[in-house]
């Protein structure tokens, strides 16, 4: 089972490594922070606890902020 990951200018096919694999698991594996990334699953905004399913398209969008 696999999904498509879109992040910055990358588009890659990734395997789902375990059952109950969430977007938060993916964010942590990539070394990112859930506080600086917005997640989309198949074009819809979702929370980090959302499960990644076979053939999903997951897009991670880096939030730019500052003071």
Protein backbone atom coordinates (compact mmCIF):
# COMPACT_ATOMS: atom_id res chain seq x y z
CA UNK A 1 0.00 0.00 0.00
CA UNK A 2 1.30 3.43 -0.90
CA UNK A 3 0.43 7.11 -1.12
CA UNK A 4 1.65 10.18 -2.97
CA UNK A 5 3.47 12.88 -1.01
CA UNK A 6 3.64 16.46 -2.26
CA UNK A 7 6.02 18.66 -0.28
CA UNK A 8 7.64 21.83 -1.55
CA UNK A 9 8.62 21.02 -5.15
CA UNK A 10 8.81 17.24 -4.58
CA UNK A 11 6.27 14.65 -5.67
CA UNK A 12 7.03 11.11 -4.60
CA UNK A 13 5.36 7.77 -4.06
CA UNK A 14 5.84 6.40 -0.51
CA UNK A 15 4.95 3.12 1.11
CA UNK A 16 2.64 3.07 4.13
CA UNK A 17 4.98 1.48 6.70
CA UNK A 18 2.38 0.31 9.23
CA UNK A 19 -1.33 0.15 9.96
CA UNK A 20 -2.82 3.23 11.60
CA UNK A 21 -0.16 5.42 9.95
CA UNK A 22 -1.12 9.06 10.47
CA UNK A 23 -0.12 12.34 8.94
CA UNK A 24 1.54 13.16 12.27
CA UNK A 25 3.73 10.02 11.90
CA UNK A 26 4.75 11.22 8.42
CA UNK A 27 5.52 14.75 9.63
CA UNK A 28 7.68 13.37 12.45
CA UNK A 29 9.56 11.03 10.06
CA UNK A 30 10.37 13.98 7.82
CA UNK A 31 11.76 15.91 10.80
CA UNK A 32 9.13 18.63 10.52
CA UNK A 33 7.01 20.26 13.21
CA UNK A 34 3.24 19.93 13.30
CA UNK A 35 3.17 23.60 14.32
CA UNK A 36 4.74 24.76 11.06
CA UNK A 37 3.00 22.50 8.53
CA UNK A 38 -0.57 22.41 7.20
CA UNK A 39 -1.80 19.05 5.89
CA UNK A 40 -4.10 18.22 3.00
CA UNK A 41 -5.44 14.77 2.17
CA UNK A 42 -6.86 14.43 -1.34
CA UNK A 43 -7.26 18.21 -1.56
CA UNK A 44 -9.04 18.69 1.79
CA UNK A 45 -7.50 20.25 4.90
CA UNK A 46 -7.13 17.64 7.65
CA UNK A 47 -5.74 17.33 11.17
CA UNK A 48 -2.51 15.48 11.94
CA UNK A 49 -4.35 12.50 13.51
CA UNK A 50 -5.88 11.60 10.13
CA UNK A 51 -5.02 8.10 8.90
CA UNK A 52 -3.21 7.79 5.57
CA UNK A 53 -4.99 5.31 3.28
CA UNK A 54 -3.85 3.51 0.13
CA UNK A 55 -3.69 5.80 -2.93
CA UNK A 56 -4.13 9.00 -0.87
CA UNK A 57 -2.47 12.20 -2.00
CA UNK A 58 -0.93 13.96 1.00
CA UNK A 59 0.25 17.53 0.60
CA UNK A 60 2.31 19.23 3.29
CA UNK A 61 2.43 23.01 3.17
CA UNK A 62 5.12 24.86 5.13
CA UNK A 63 3.73 27.84 7.03
CA UNK A 64 5.89 30.95 7.01
CA UNK A 65 5.54 33.14 10.05
CA UNK A 66 7.51 35.67 11.99
CA UNK A 67 7.35 38.81 13.99
